[in-house]
Amino acid sequence: MGRGGRSAHAFAAGRDDRIVRAQHILEGSVLADNKTEELKQFAEERGLKTSGKREDLLIALHPFSKGIAHRYPAPKPLPLARPPFKFSDVQKAVPRHCFKRNLATSATHLASDLIMVATFGYLATFISGGAIPAWAGWLLWPTYWFVQGTQMTGVWVLAHECGHQSFSESKTINNLVGLVCHSALLVPYHSWRITHAKHHNNTGSCTNDEVFCPPVRTDNGKSPTAEEDMAELVHEAPLVQMFWIIFMLVLGWMPGYLCFNATGPSKYNGLAKSHFNPWAKMFEERDRMDIVTSDLGFFVAVAGICYAVHALGFLTVAKFYLVPYMVTNAYLVLITYLQHTDVFMPHFRGSEWDWFRGALCTVDRTFGPVIDHVIHHIADTHVCHHLFSKMPFYHAQEATEHIRAFLGDYHLSDTTPIPKALWRSFTCCTHVEDVGHTVFYQAH
């Protein structure tokens, strides 16, 4: 048979596969019980065609159906039309005093955090000191690890404020405080400061965001029409999903992001991309001394930990510092992952992306009033933070009220409890399409 015959046969086989796949989708669609008007609304919100038959809508919505029909409902997606207002309009809606940075106020919060860290550490000495029954340690040590890890996250956030130059009006003070606090938490301050600024400058971009760049379908090991039923069944098993969530929380920050730039853009693939490497692709020549300074701060902290291990023993250092440090790392991954990954947040390519649209592609979430307070409202005022990164955190709540009122539908807020939001995001956000200027996360 000639080439033409083989091509015709392949075309027919491909067409049959598509028909079978369409029938499979229609028979098992979780959106089958939704009204046609609801399907059209779902399609419109995701930039899909709303004309055609009901069957066409179900097929088009299939990649998004898991998120749409999830048992933990997500908020309405960000409007796809460009905002009918400018960034300067939002800025005018916020009281001017919210932008004022005050060193005394910031230093008071930092001192309070450090006192709390020291207090929790001191109280923990009584757990194994003989004053408390041994069996109580099985409850008290995990309690200490969680509480201390949460409090250390608050210190981390204040160092993050320094990186944004919102701690005070002095760049020297900001960088000195940030370097000391982040080094104590094993973070290369300047390296992170530089890449984090690039993240803020490119949020919502499929190609240039510095962190949480969405994987595309082909990078995720899926061709546009491929079905690997057994692989999907294994991947979607709850125990498997839970394992990968824990893996992400434990190793996603260190070494994942800091050493390997995990979840970073594909433009760095095959290139040096460690935050500890002064010649990494993320940095410019003028940054190198800052990277070296960060590395020195990091290794001084490591040396201090090694000395403590020598003097006190590894188990003591692990119980008092290393385990809370891992809790802090898990917080960082959890907070940032949920700020930029969910079924209702679009990502943009090409001319559809601009800084303002990208800054709106994040969400305010609450961890509850106590934790929100301890972590300085970095999660429940995050839209404000992306719009005005130099605004100090102690004005962000007030500013958020004005921002929310002004933005209306363009302000994303999600009240889904954090564990449920994490499960929805992790199970429903595996990749985006390879093509398209506006894309939403899809599931396997």
Protein backbone atom coordinates (compact mmCIF):
# COMPACT_ATOMS: atom_id res chain seq x y z
CA MET A 1 0.00 0.00 0.00
CA GLY A 2 1.31 3.48 -0.89
CA ARG A 3 1.77 6.41 1.47
CA GLY A 4 -1.64 7.76 0.67
CA GLY A 5 -3.26 4.53 1.82
CA ARG A 6 -1.37 4.51 5.08
CA SER A 7 -2.23 8.16 5.70
CA ALA A 8 -5.91 7.54 5.05
CA HIS A 9 -5.86 4.55 7.39
CA ALA A 10 -4.12 6.56 10.10
CA PHE A 11 -6.62 9.40 9.68
CA ALA A 12 -9.55 7.01 9.97
CA ALA A 13 -8.04 5.37 13.05
CA GLY A 14 -7.45 8.76 14.63
CA ARG A 15 -11.01 9.81 13.89
CA ASP A 16 -12.35 6.61 15.45
CA ASP A 17 -10.22 7.22 18.56
CA ARG A 18 -11.63 10.72 18.88
CA ILE A 19 -15.19 9.42 18.53
CA VAL A 20 -14.61 6.78 21.21
CA ARG A 21 -13.01 9.38 23.48
CA ALA A 22 -15.92 11.78 22.99
CA GLN A 23 -18.40 9.04 23.84
CA HIS A 24 -16.38 8.14 26.92
CA ILE A 25 -16.42 11.79 28.05
CA LEU A 26 -20.15 12.19 27.49
CA GLU A 27 -20.99 8.98 29.33
CA GLY A 28 -18.86 9.80 32.37
CA SER A 29 -19.04 13.60 32.58
CA VAL A 30 -19.48 14.91 36.11
CA LEU A 31 -21.23 17.92 34.55
CA ALA A 32 -23.92 15.83 32.86
CA ASP A 33 -26.57 16.93 35.37
CA ASN A 34 -25.86 20.64 34.91
CA LYS A 35 -28.21 22.72 32.82
CA THR A 36 -27.07 23.90 29.41
CA GLU A 37 -27.08 27.52 30.56
CA GLU A 38 -24.76 26.60 33.42
CA LEU A 39 -22.42 24.86 30.99
CA LYS A 40 -22.38 27.97 28.81
CA GLN A 41 -21.50 30.08 31.83
CA PHE A 42 -18.65 27.72 32.78
CA ALA A 43 -17.37 27.85 29.20
CA GLU A 44 -17.59 31.64 28.99
CA GLU A 45 -15.70 32.04 32.28
CA ARG A 46 -12.84 29.99 30.82
CA GLY A 47 -12.74 31.62 27.41
CA LEU A 48 -14.30 28.66 25.59
CA LYS A 49 -16.87 28.76 22.81
CA THR A 50 -20.41 28.88 24.15
CA SER A 51 -22.15 28.09 20.86
CA GLY A 52 -22.87 24.61 19.62
CA LYS A 53 -24.63 21.62 21.07
CA ARG A 54 -24.75 20.58 24.71
CA GLU A 55 -22.48 17.66 23.84
CA ASP A 56 -19.88 20.08 22.46
CA LEU A 57 -19.93 22.04 25.72
CA LEU A 58 -19.45 18.91 27.81
CA ILE A 59 -16.48 17.83 25.69
CA ALA A 60 -14.89 21.31 25.77
CA LEU A 61 -15.35 21.55 29.55
CA HIS A 62 -14.09 18.04 30.26
CA PRO A 63 -10.49 19.06 31.16
CA PHE A 64 -11.90 21.56 33.69
CA SER A 65 -14.83 19.48 34.93
CA LYS A 66 -13.03 18.03 37.94
CA GLY A 67 -12.41 21.51 39.33
CA ILE A 68 -15.84 22.86 38.39
CA ALA A 69 -17.72 19.99 40.04
CA HIS A 70 -15.31 19.51 42.95
CA ARG A 71 -16.89 18.69 46.30
CA TYR A 72 -15.12 21.77 47.68
CA PRO A 73 -16.55 24.49 45.38
CA ALA A 74 -14.15 27.15 44.12
CA PRO A 75 -14.95 30.86 43.76
CA LYS A 76 -15.97 32.32 40.45
CA PRO A 77 -12.95 32.75 38.12
CA LEU A 78 -11.28 36.09 37.54
CA PRO A 79 -13.04 37.97 34.70
CA LEU A 80 -11.25 37.47 31.39
CA ALA A 81 -11.99 40.97 30.09
CA ARG A 82 -9.25 43.46 30.78
CA PRO A 83 -9.97 45.55 33.89
CA PRO A 84 -11.98 48.70 33.06
CA PHE A 85 -9.67 50.70 35.33
CA LYS A 86 -5.97 51.42 35.69
CA PHE A 87 -3.52 50.56 38.42
CA SER A 88 -3.37 54.24 39.32
CA ASP A 89 -7.13 54.15 39.96
CA VAL A 90 -6.66 51.36 42.50
CA GLN A 91 -3.82 53.28 44.10
CA LYS A 92 -6.04 56.33 44.53
CA ALA A 93 -8.66 54.20 46.28
CA VAL A 94 -6.24 53.36 49.10
CA PRO A 95 -5.64 55.92 51.89
CA ARG A 96 -2.21 57.52 51.59
CA HIS A 97 -1.15 56.67 55.13
CA CYS A 98 -1.29 52.97 54.24
CA PHE A 99 1.87 53.41 52.18
CA LYS A 100 3.94 54.88 55.03
CA ARG A 101 6.76 52.71 56.39
CA ASN A 102 7.73 53.10 60.02
CA LEU A 103 10.90 51.54 61.40
CA ALA A 104 9.75 51.66 65.02
CA THR A 105 6.51 49.84 64.24
CA SER A 106 8.25 47.18 62.16
CA ALA A 107 10.99 46.71 64.76
CA THR A 108 8.38 46.31 67.50
CA HIS A 109 6.71 43.49 65.57
CA LEU A 110 10.07 41.81 64.96
CA ALA A 111 11.06 42.11 68.62
CA SER A 112 7.71 40.64 69.63
CA ASP A 113 8.20 37.71 67.26
CA LEU A 114 11.70 37.00 68.53
CA ILE A 115 10.55 37.17 72.15
CA MET A 116 7.80 34.66 71.36
CA VAL A 117 10.29 32.33 69.64
CA ALA A 118 12.58 32.52 72.68
CA THR A 119 9.65 31.99 75.07
CA PHE A 120 8.39 28.91 73.24
CA GLY A 121 11.92 27.52 73.14
CA TYR A 122 12.33 28.08 76.87
CA LEU A 123 8.99 26.46 77.69
CA ALA A 124 9.96 23.46 75.59
CA THR A 125 12.89 22.80 77.94
CA PHE A 126 10.37 21.65 80.54
CA ILE A 127 8.96 18.93 78.27
CA SER A 128 11.95 16.65 78.80
CA GLY A 129 13.12 18.18 82.05
CA GLY A 130 11.45 15.69 84.37
CA ALA A 131 8.72 18.05 85.58
CA ILE A 132 6.23 16.62 83.08
CA PRO A 133 5.30 12.92 82.73
CA ALA A 134 7.17 11.23 79.90
CA TRP A 135 3.96 10.22 78.13
CA ALA A 136 2.94 13.89 77.85
CA GLY A 137 5.94 14.53 75.63
CA TRP A 138 4.24 12.65 72.81
CA LEU A 139 1.62 15.41 72.78
CA LEU A 140 3.66 18.41 73.87
CA TRP A 141 6.56 18.05 71.42
CA PRO A 142 4.32 18.06 68.30
CA THR A 143 2.44 21.00 69.82
CA TYR A 144 5.70 22.87 70.31
CA TRP A 145 6.87 22.07 66.77
CA PHE A 146 3.67 23.41 65.25
CA VAL A 147 3.49 26.53 67.43
CA GLN A 148 7.19 27.35 67.09
CA GLY A 149 7.16 26.63 63.35
CA THR A 150 4.22 28.99 62.95
CA GLN A 151 5.97 31.70 64.96
CA MET A 152 9.17 31.26 62.96
CA THR A 153 7.08 31.73 59.83
CA GLY A 154 6.15 35.13 61.23
CA VAL A 155 9.85 35.99 61.48
CA TRP A 156 10.32 34.73 57.92
CA VAL A 157 7.54 37.03 56.71
CA LEU A 158 9.17 40.06 58.35
CA ALA A 159 12.44 39.21 56.59
CA HIS A 160 10.33 38.97 53.43
CA GLU A 161 9.13 42.50 54.20
CA CYS A 162 12.77 43.56 54.26
CA GLY A 163 13.27 42.07 50.82
CA HIS A 164 10.46 44.27 49.52
CA GLN A 165 11.94 47.31 51.31
CA SER A 166 8.72 47.70 53.30
CA PHE A 167 10.28 47.19 56.74
CA SER A 168 11.59 50.76 56.85
CA GLU A 169 12.59 53.60 54.56
CA SER A 170 16.27 52.65 54.87
CA LYS A 171 17.53 50.15 52.32
CA THR A 172 20.58 49.47 54.49
CA ILE A 173 18.49 48.62 57.55
CA ASN A 174 16.09 46.54 55.49
CA ASN A 175 18.83 44.44 53.93
CA LEU A 176 20.74 44.03 57.20
CA VAL A 177 17.67 42.86 59.14
CA GLY A 178 16.56 40.67 56.25
CA LEU A 179 19.99 39.09 55.90
CA VAL A 180 20.23 38.23 59.59
CA CYS A 181 16.68 36.89 59.96
CA HIS A 182 16.63 34.92 56.72
CA SER A 183 20.10 33.48 57.34
CA ALA A 184 18.90 32.25 60.75
CA LEU A 185 16.14 30.42 58.86
CA LEU A 186 18.61 29.04 56.29
CA VAL A 187 17.44 31.29 53.47
CA PRO A 188 19.97 33.02 51.16
CA TYR A 189 18.45 36.47 51.61
CA HIS A 190 19.67 38.41 48.58
CA SER A 191 19.31 35.44 46.22
CA TRP A 192 15.71 35.00 47.24
CA ARG A 193 15.10 38.78 47.25
CA ILE A 194 16.20 39.03 43.61
CA THR A 195 14.20 36.09 42.29
CA HIS A 196 11.18 37.04 44.38
CA ALA A 197 11.19 40.50 42.81
CA LYS A 198 11.15 38.82 39.40
CA HIS A 199 8.18 36.76 40.54
CA HIS A 200 6.32 39.94 41.46
CA ASN A 201 7.23 41.48 38.12
CA ASN A 202 5.93 38.48 36.15
CA THR A 203 3.08 37.01 38.18
CA GLY A 204 0.49 35.22 36.07
CA SER A 205 2.83 34.74 33.10
CA CYS A 206 3.03 31.20 31.75
CA THR A 207 6.58 31.72 30.55
CA ASN A 208 8.27 34.28 32.77
CA ASP A 209 6.91 33.88 36.30
CA GLU A 210 9.83 32.98 38.52
CA VAL A 211 7.96 30.42 40.61
CA PHE A 212 4.81 28.31 40.22
CA CYS A 213 4.99 28.42 36.44
CA PRO A 214 2.17 26.09 35.34
CA PRO A 215 3.32 22.89 33.59
CA VAL A 216 1.94 22.54 30.07
CA ARG A 217 0.17 19.43 28.87
CA THR A 218 3.14 18.02 26.95
CA ASP A 219 5.55 18.71 29.83
CA ASN A 220 3.13 16.80 32.00
CA GLY A 221 3.59 13.73 29.83
CA LYS A 222 0.26 14.03 28.03
CA SER A 223 -0.37 14.61 24.35
CA PRO A 224 -3.63 16.45 23.66
CA THR A 225 -5.54 13.24 22.88
CA ALA A 226 -3.66 10.62 24.92
CA GLU A 227 -5.44 8.51 27.56
CA GLU A 228 -3.51 6.37 29.95
CA ASP A 229 -6.28 5.02 32.13
CA MET A 230 -4.19 2.86 34.46
CA ALA A 231 -1.63 5.61 35.04
CA GLU A 232 -4.41 8.07 35.80
CA LEU A 233 -6.08 5.68 38.23
CA VAL A 234 -2.83 5.19 40.13
CA HIS A 235 -1.99 8.89 40.09
CA GLU A 236 -5.45 9.86 41.35
CA ALA A 237 -5.51 7.35 44.21
CA PRO A 238 -5.97 9.38 47.42
CA LEU A 239 -3.00 7.78 49.17
CA VAL A 240 -0.75 8.55 46.21
CA GLN A 241 -1.99 12.14 46.10
CA MET A 242 -1.43 12.51 49.84
CA PHE A 243 2.12 11.18 49.51
CA TRP A 244 2.97 13.79 46.85
CA ILE A 245 1.38 16.58 48.86
CA ILE A 246 3.54 15.68 51.86
CA PHE A 247 6.57 15.39 49.58
CA MET A 248 5.90 18.88 48.21
CA LEU A 249 5.43 20.41 51.67
CA VAL A 250 8.54 18.79 53.14
CA LEU A 251 11.01 19.24 50.28
CA GLY A 252 9.41 21.84 48.03
CA TRP A 253 11.18 24.85 49.54
CA MET A 254 14.51 23.38 50.61
CA PRO A 255 16.07 21.83 48.58
CA GLY A 256 13.35 21.94 45.90
CA TYR A 257 13.13 25.63 45.11
CA LEU A 258 16.29 27.06 46.65
CA CYS A 259 18.66 24.46 45.17
CA PHE A 260 16.88 23.35 42.00
CA ASN A 261 14.42 26.18 41.25
CA ALA A 262 11.59 23.64 41.23
CA THR A 263 8.35 24.98 39.69
CA GLY A 264 10.38 27.71 38.00
CA PRO A 265 10.09 28.60 34.29
CA SER A 266 11.25 26.19 31.60
CA LYS A 267 13.60 28.85 30.19
CA TYR A 268 16.07 27.83 32.91
CA ASN A 269 16.03 24.13 32.01
CA GLY A 270 19.53 22.76 31.57
CA LEU A 271 21.09 25.91 33.04
CA ALA A 272 22.58 26.75 36.43
CA LYS A 273 19.64 27.69 38.63
CA SER A 274 20.60 27.23 42.28
CA HIS A 275 19.97 30.19 44.56
CA PHE A 276 23.43 29.55 46.02
CA ASN A 277 25.24 29.91 42.69
CA PRO A 278 26.37 33.50 41.93
CA TRP A 279 26.51 32.55 38.24
CA ALA A 280 23.01 31.07 38.10
CA LYS A 281 20.89 32.14 35.16
CA MET A 282 18.44 34.04 37.38
CA PHE A 283 21.12 36.54 38.39
CA GLU A 284 23.01 39.28 36.61
CA GLU A 285 26.66 40.16 37.01
CA ARG A 286 25.85 43.06 39.32
CA ASP A 287 24.10 40.62 41.71
CA ARG A 288 27.10 38.37 42.34
CA MET A 289 28.46 40.02 45.48
CA ASP A 290 24.97 40.00 46.98
CA ILE A 291 24.72 36.27 46.26
CA VAL A 292 28.12 35.66 47.87
CA THR A 293 27.02 37.68 50.91
CA SER A 294 23.86 35.57 51.15
CA ASP A 295 25.89 32.37 50.91
CA LEU A 296 28.17 33.57 53.71
CA GLY A 297 25.16 34.33 55.91
CA PHE A 298 23.70 30.91 55.16
CA PHE A 299 26.91 29.03 55.98
CA VAL A 300 27.50 31.03 59.15
CA ALA A 301 24.05 29.85 60.27
CA VAL A 302 24.89 26.27 59.26
CA ALA A 303 28.14 26.52 61.23
CA GLY A 304 26.16 27.70 64.25
CA ILE A 305 23.83 24.72 63.93
CA CYS A 306 26.79 22.34 63.63
CA TYR A 307 28.33 23.82 66.77
CA ALA A 308 25.03 23.42 68.61
CA VAL A 309 24.87 19.79 67.49
CA HIS A 310 28.40 19.25 68.80
CA ALA A 311 27.63 20.94 72.12
CA LEU A 312 24.08 19.76 72.74
CA GLY A 313 23.61 16.71 70.55
CA PHE A 314 21.73 16.26 67.30
CA LEU A 315 18.48 15.17 68.95
CA THR A 316 18.28 18.34 71.04
CA VAL A 317 18.93 20.60 68.04
CA ALA A 318 16.43 18.65 65.97
CA LYS A 319 13.70 18.94 68.59
CA PHE A 320 14.21 22.62 69.34
CA TYR A 321 15.14 24.00 65.91
CA LEU A 322 15.21 21.62 62.94
CA VAL A 323 11.67 20.26 63.21
CA PRO A 324 10.11 23.75 63.68
CA TYR A 325 12.29 24.86 60.75
CA MET A 326 10.71 22.12 58.62
CA VAL A 327 7.26 23.30 59.74
CA THR A 328 8.18 26.81 58.60
CA ASN A 329 9.32 25.44 55.25
CA ALA A 330 6.02 23.61 54.88
CA TYR A 331 4.15 26.84 55.62
CA LEU A 332 6.11 28.65 52.90
CA VAL A 333 5.22 26.06 50.29
CA LEU A 334 1.60 25.84 51.43
CA ILE A 335 1.05 29.60 51.52
CA THR A 336 2.71 30.39 48.20
CA TYR A 337 1.29 27.36 46.40
CA LEU A 338 -2.27 28.29 47.33
CA GLN A 339 -1.67 31.94 46.49
CA HIS A 340 -0.93 31.10 42.87
CA THR A 341 -2.48 27.71 42.11
CA ASP A 342 -6.18 27.01 41.82
CA VAL A 343 -8.86 26.29 39.25
CA PHE A 344 -10.23 29.85 39.22
CA MET A 345 -6.94 31.69 38.56
CA PRO A 346 -6.01 32.24 34.89
CA HIS A 347 -2.50 32.45 33.47
CA PHE A 348 -1.59 34.50 30.42
CA ARG A 349 0.74 34.35 27.43
CA GLY A 350 1.93 36.87 24.90
CA SER A 351 0.06 40.14 24.57
CA GLU A 352 -2.68 39.00 26.96
CA TRP A 353 -0.28 39.31 29.89
CA ASP A 354 0.67 42.56 31.52
CA TRP A 355 1.89 43.33 35.02
CA PHE A 356 -1.44 44.64 36.28
CA ARG A 357 -3.46 41.63 35.09
CA GLY A 358 -0.83 39.35 36.54
CA ALA A 359 -0.91 41.09 39.91
CA LEU A 360 -4.65 40.41 40.08
CA CYS A 361 -4.04 36.69 39.45
CA THR A 362 -3.58 35.83 43.10
CA VAL A 363 -6.02 35.26 45.93
CA ASP A 364 -6.66 36.23 49.53
CA ARG A 365 -7.08 33.22 51.85
CA THR A 366 -7.43 33.02 55.59
CA PHE A 367 -5.67 30.55 57.88
CA GLY A 368 -7.90 31.66 60.74
CA PRO A 369 -7.53 34.82 62.86
CA VAL A 370 -4.75 33.51 65.12
CA ILE A 371 -2.43 32.17 62.42
CA ASP A 372 -3.22 35.13 60.15
CA HIS A 373 -2.01 37.40 62.95
CA VAL A 374 1.13 35.37 63.65
CA ILE A 375 2.15 35.26 59.96
CA HIS A 376 1.41 38.97 59.62
CA HIS A 377 -1.53 38.57 57.22
CA ILE A 378 0.66 37.51 54.32
CA ALA A 379 -2.08 35.15 53.10
CA ASP A 380 -5.32 37.04 53.68
CA THR A 381 -4.05 40.31 52.13
CA HIS A 382 -2.04 38.86 49.28
CA VAL A 383 -3.79 40.70 46.44
CA CYS A 384 -2.86 43.95 48.17
CA HIS A 385 0.70 42.70 48.57
CA HIS A 386 1.06 42.02 44.84
CA LEU A 387 -0.36 45.39 43.92
CA PHE A 388 1.67 47.34 46.49
CA SER A 389 4.65 45.25 47.57
CA LYS A 390 6.31 48.13 49.45
CA MET A 391 3.27 48.62 51.66
CA PRO A 392 4.04 47.43 55.22
CA PHE A 393 1.94 44.51 56.40
CA TYR A 394 0.41 46.44 59.32
CA HIS A 395 -1.51 48.61 56.83
CA ALA A 396 -2.47 45.78 54.47
CA GLN A 397 -5.73 44.84 56.19
CA GLU A 398 -7.09 48.37 55.99
CA ALA A 399 -5.89 48.72 52.41
CA THR A 400 -7.46 45.39 51.46
CA GLU A 401 -10.91 46.63 52.47
CA HIS A 402 -10.59 49.54 50.04
CA ILE A 403 -9.04 47.38 47.33
CA ARG A 404 -11.76 44.74 47.59
CA ALA A 405 -14.50 47.36 47.35
CA PHE A 406 -12.89 48.99 44.32
CA LEU A 407 -11.95 45.85 42.38
CA GLY A 408 -15.27 44.05 42.77
CA ASP A 409 -15.19 40.88 40.64
CA TYR A 410 -11.53 41.52 39.88
CA HIS A 411 -10.61 40.79 43.49
CA LEU A 412 -10.13 37.08 44.19
CA SER A 413 -10.90 35.79 47.66
CA ASP A 414 -11.45 32.21 48.76
CA THR A 415 -12.94 31.10 52.06
CA THR A 416 -12.44 27.38 51.41
CA PRO A 417 -10.73 25.86 54.49
CA ILE A 418 -7.01 25.49 53.81
CA PRO A 419 -6.83 21.65 53.83
CA LYS A 420 -9.75 21.46 51.40
CA ALA A 421 -8.32 24.18 49.16
CA LEU A 422 -4.98 22.36 49.10
CA TRP A 423 -6.66 19.10 48.10
CA ARG A 424 -8.66 20.81 45.35
CA SER A 425 -5.64 22.63 43.95
CA PHE A 426 -3.34 19.62 44.05
CA THR A 427 -5.81 17.20 42.49
CA CYS A 428 -7.35 19.56 39.93
CA CYS A 429 -4.34 21.65 38.83
CA THR A 430 -1.86 19.42 37.02
CA HIS A 431 -1.23 21.39 33.81
CA VAL A 432 -2.46 24.01 31.35
CA GLU A 433 -2.83 23.78 27.58
CA ASP A 434 0.27 24.21 25.42
CA VAL A 435 -1.49 26.83 23.31
CA GLY A 436 -3.75 29.77 24.04
CA HIS A 437 -3.12 33.24 25.39
CA THR A 438 -5.43 32.74 28.40
CA VAL A 439 -5.36 29.36 30.10
CA PHE A 440 -6.74 27.76 33.25
CA TYR A 441 -5.45 24.78 35.17
CA GLN A 442 -6.77 21.37 34.15
CA ALA A 443 -6.69 17.94 35.75
CA HIS A 444 -5.49 14.58 34.46
